[in-house]
Protein backbone atom coordinates (compact mmCIF):
# COMPACT_ATOMS: atom_id res chain seq x y z
CA MET A 1 7.99 -22.16 18.08
CA SER A 2 10.57 -21.92 15.47
CA PHE A 3 13.71 -19.62 16.03
CA TYR A 4 12.64 -17.75 12.30
CA LYS A 5 9.08 -17.15 14.29
CA LYS A 6 10.26 -15.92 17.38
CA THR A 7 12.88 -13.50 15.70
CA GLY A 8 9.94 -12.17 13.59
CA GLU A 9 7.61 -11.81 16.57
CA VAL A 10 10.25 -9.85 18.60
CA ILE A 11 11.10 -7.59 15.89
CA ALA A 12 7.83 -6.75 14.89
CA ASP A 13 6.76 -5.59 18.47
CA TRP A 14 10.71 -4.70 19.12
CA ASN A 15 12.16 -5.44 22.37
CA LYS A 16 16.01 -5.45 23.10
CA GLU A 17 15.84 -7.90 25.97
CA GLU A 18 13.49 -10.24 24.42
CA PHE A 19 16.24 -10.25 21.16
CA ARG A 20 18.65 -11.07 23.11
CA LYS A 21 17.13 -13.98 24.50
CA LEU A 22 17.20 -15.74 21.19
CA PHE A 23 20.68 -15.87 20.78
CA HIS A 24 23.22 -17.87 22.54
CA GLU A 25 25.77 -16.48 24.77
CA ASP A 26 28.93 -17.39 22.32
CA PHE A 27 27.40 -15.83 19.55
CA LEU A 28 29.11 -14.28 16.73
CA PHE A 29 28.11 -12.46 13.54
CA ILE A 30 30.30 -12.89 10.97
CA ARG A 31 30.31 -10.14 8.98
CA GLU A 32 32.56 -9.77 5.58
CA THR A 33 36.03 -9.52 7.17
CA GLU A 34 35.08 -8.88 11.01
CA LEU A 35 33.38 -10.82 13.57
CA VAL A 36 30.66 -8.88 15.86
CA THR A 37 30.38 -10.38 19.44
CA LEU A 38 26.51 -10.92 21.01
CA ASP A 39 26.64 -7.79 22.49
CA ASP A 40 27.65 -5.37 19.52
CA HIS A 41 25.23 -7.20 17.37
CA ILE A 42 22.21 -6.79 20.00
CA ASN A 43 23.53 -2.73 20.16
CA ASN A 44 23.66 -2.60 16.55
CA PHE A 45 20.31 -3.71 15.84
CA ASP A 46 18.92 -1.86 18.94
CA LYS A 47 20.37 1.42 17.21
CA PHE A 48 18.74 0.56 13.46
CA MET A 49 15.46 -0.34 15.26
CA SER A 50 15.16 3.03 17.17
CA LYS A 51 15.20 5.23 13.93
CA PRO A 52 11.41 4.95 12.57
CA GLU A 53 12.34 4.63 8.83
CA ASN A 54 14.64 1.41 9.77
CA ALA A 55 12.15 -0.17 11.78
CA LYS A 56 9.51 0.33 8.75
CA GLU A 57 12.47 -0.72 6.22
CA LEU A 58 12.60 -3.62 8.50
CA ILE A 59 8.79 -4.91 9.21
CA GLU A 60 8.47 -4.59 5.04
CA ARG A 61 11.38 -6.99 4.98
CA ARG A 62 10.25 -9.13 6.92
CA ARG A 63 8.40 -10.51 3.62
CA ASN A 64 11.15 -12.70 3.52
CA ALA A 65 11.62 -16.33 2.70
CA LEU A 66 12.17 -18.78 5.04
CA VAL A 67 14.68 -21.43 3.14
CA HIS A 68 15.25 -23.88 5.47
CA GLU A 69 14.88 -24.66 9.15
CA ASN A 70 15.63 -27.46 11.44
CA ASP A 71 16.95 -27.84 14.84
CA PHE A 72 20.30 -27.01 14.02
CA VAL A 73 20.01 -24.24 11.15
CA THR A 74 17.78 -21.57 9.96
CA GLU A 75 18.90 -19.96 6.18
CA VAL A 76 16.72 -16.54 5.52
CA ARG A 77 16.50 -15.19 2.14
CA PHE A 78 15.39 -11.48 1.34
CA GLU A 79 15.52 -8.66 -1.24
CA GLU A 80 17.43 -5.43 0.08
CA LYS A 81 18.58 -2.27 -1.64
CA GLY A 82 19.13 -4.24 -4.83
CA GLU A 83 21.08 -7.35 -3.43
CA ILE A 84 19.49 -10.70 -2.40
CA VAL A 85 20.77 -11.47 1.15
CA THR A 86 20.59 -14.87 2.63
CA ASN A 87 21.40 -15.02 6.53
CA VAL A 88 22.39 -18.78 7.90
CA PHE A 89 21.88 -18.87 11.58
CA LEU A 90 23.49 -21.89 13.33
CA LYS A 91 22.05 -22.71 15.94
CA LYS A 92 23.40 -24.33 19.77
CA ASP A 93 20.93 -24.85 22.70
CA GLY A 94 17.73 -23.73 20.44
CA LEU A 95 19.36 -20.14 19.71
CA GLY A 96 21.20 -18.22 17.49
CA TRP A 97 25.08 -19.35 17.85
CA ARG A 98 26.71 -18.09 14.60
CA SER A 99 25.53 -16.16 11.66
CA ILE A 100 26.93 -15.65 8.56
CA VAL A 101 25.27 -13.51 5.61
CA ASN A 102 26.14 -13.20 1.89
CA ARG A 103 25.11 -10.20 -0.48
CA VAL A 104 24.70 -10.67 -4.10
CA PRO A 105 23.66 -7.91 -6.38
CA ILE A 106 20.18 -8.48 -8.06
CA SER A 107 21.57 -8.48 -11.99
CA SER A 108 24.12 -11.29 -10.72
CA THR A 109 21.46 -13.50 -10.31
CA LYS A 110 20.15 -13.21 -13.80
């Protein structure tokens, strides 16, 4: 099963430990001007998912688009709060190894 599909299934039936299994032990999330470690990424996502309104938003966001996926990369795009969000995952050993997100205001894309 693809990284994209596995991630969607774990998010739909939230399980912090199963989510962690999707990521390489050396995972880093590159966010604007900071690097987020695996533990921080898992804990941040778990806090987000613990709020019912956020979980509902994320499940609705699952209507995102898989742009491209192969053994080395997964690229996903979706709309969130007036922005087009592109999330690129580089993979190592079939697991998420690096992730970087780009946000562009929807008005900038027209």
